[in-house]
Amino acid sequence: MLKNYKELKVWKKSCELCLEIYTIKAKFPKKEKYFEKIPGFE
């Protein structure tokens, strides 16, 4: 039986995904981190 939500597989997978996104995002040039080059976000 689960004691809390952190034991759920979906929670663990979402944490892994979040860390992967932040790792990839850290490699972006500064301007691209804030959507400055995407039309509509200027």
C-alpha atoms as a PDB file:
ATOM      1  CA  MET A   1       0.000   0.000   0.000  1.00  0.00           C
ATOM      2  CA  LEU A   2       1.221   3.488  -0.831  1.00  0.00           C
ATOM      3  CA  LYS A   3       1.919   5.800   2.059  1.00  0.00           C
ATOM      4  CA  ASN A   4       2.227   8.942  -0.031  1.00  0.00           C
ATOM      5  CA  TYR A   5       2.282  10.224  -3.603  1.00  0.00           C
ATOM      6  CA  LYS A   6       6.097  10.121  -3.814  1.00  0.00           C
ATOM      7  CA  GLU A   7       5.912   6.335  -3.983  1.00  0.00           C
ATOM      8  CA  LEU A   8       3.918   6.449  -7.231  1.00  0.00           C
ATOM      9  CA  LYS A   9       5.770   5.456 -10.401  1.00  0.00           C
ATOM     10  CA  VAL A  10       4.307   8.444 -12.230  1.00  0.00           C
ATOM     11  CA  TRP A  11       5.741  10.808  -9.581  1.00  0.00           C
ATOM     12  CA  LYS A  12       9.209   9.267  -9.876  1.00  0.00           C
ATOM     13  CA  LYS A  13       9.102   9.397 -13.687  1.00  0.00           C
ATOM     14  CA  SER A  14       7.949  13.023 -13.673  1.00  0.00           C
ATOM     15  CA  CYS A  15      10.862  13.965 -11.393  1.00  0.00           C
ATOM     16  CA  GLU A  16      13.289  12.256 -13.780  1.00  0.00           C
ATOM     17  CA  LEU A  17      11.751  14.092 -16.733  1.00  0.00           C
ATOM     18  CA  CYS A  18      11.938  17.429 -14.935  1.00  0.00           C
ATOM     19  CA  LEU A  19      15.637  16.954 -14.178  1.00  0.00           C
ATOM     20  CA  GLU A  20      16.312  15.982 -17.783  1.00  0.00           C
ATOM     21  CA  ILE A  21      14.527  19.103 -19.052  1.00  0.00           C
ATOM     22  CA  TYR A  22      16.516  21.363 -16.708  1.00  0.00           C
ATOM     23  CA  THR A  23      19.764  19.699 -17.793  1.00  0.00           C
ATOM     24  CA  ILE A  24      18.966  20.269 -21.466  1.00  0.00           C
ATOM     25  CA  LYS A  25      17.716  23.809 -20.818  1.00  0.00           C
ATOM     26  CA  ALA A  26      20.968  24.714 -19.048  1.00  0.00           C
ATOM     27  CA  LYS A  27      22.829  24.085 -22.328  1.00  0.00           C
ATOM     28  CA  PHE A  28      20.712  26.590 -24.292  1.00  0.00           C
ATOM     29  CA  PRO A  29      22.119  30.019 -25.151  1.00  0.00           C
ATOM     30  CA  LYS A  30      20.866  32.690 -22.749  1.00  0.00           C
ATOM     31  CA  LYS A  31      18.510  34.290 -25.301  1.00  0.00           C
ATOM     32  CA  GLU A  32      16.779  30.994 -26.037  1.00  0.00           C
ATOM     33  CA  LYS A  33      16.125  30.253 -22.368  1.00  0.00           C
ATOM     34  CA  TYR A  34      13.492  32.972 -22.274  1.00  0.00           C
ATOM     35  CA  PHE A  35      11.791  32.341 -25.648  1.00  0.00           C
ATOM     36  CA  GLU A  36      13.130  35.593 -27.149  1.00  0.00           C
ATOM     37  CA  LYS A  37      13.532  34.050 -30.603  1.00  0.00           C
ATOM     38  CA  ILE A  38      10.130  32.371 -30.788  1.00  0.00           C
ATOM     39  CA  PRO A  39       7.516  34.452 -32.661  1.00  0.00           C
ATOM     40  CA  GLY A  40       4.810  35.652 -30.298  1.00  0.00           C
ATOM     41  CA  PHE A  41       7.079  35.582 -27.246  1.00  0.00           C
ATOM     42  CA  GLU A  42       9.043  38.734 -28.072  1.00  0.00           C
END
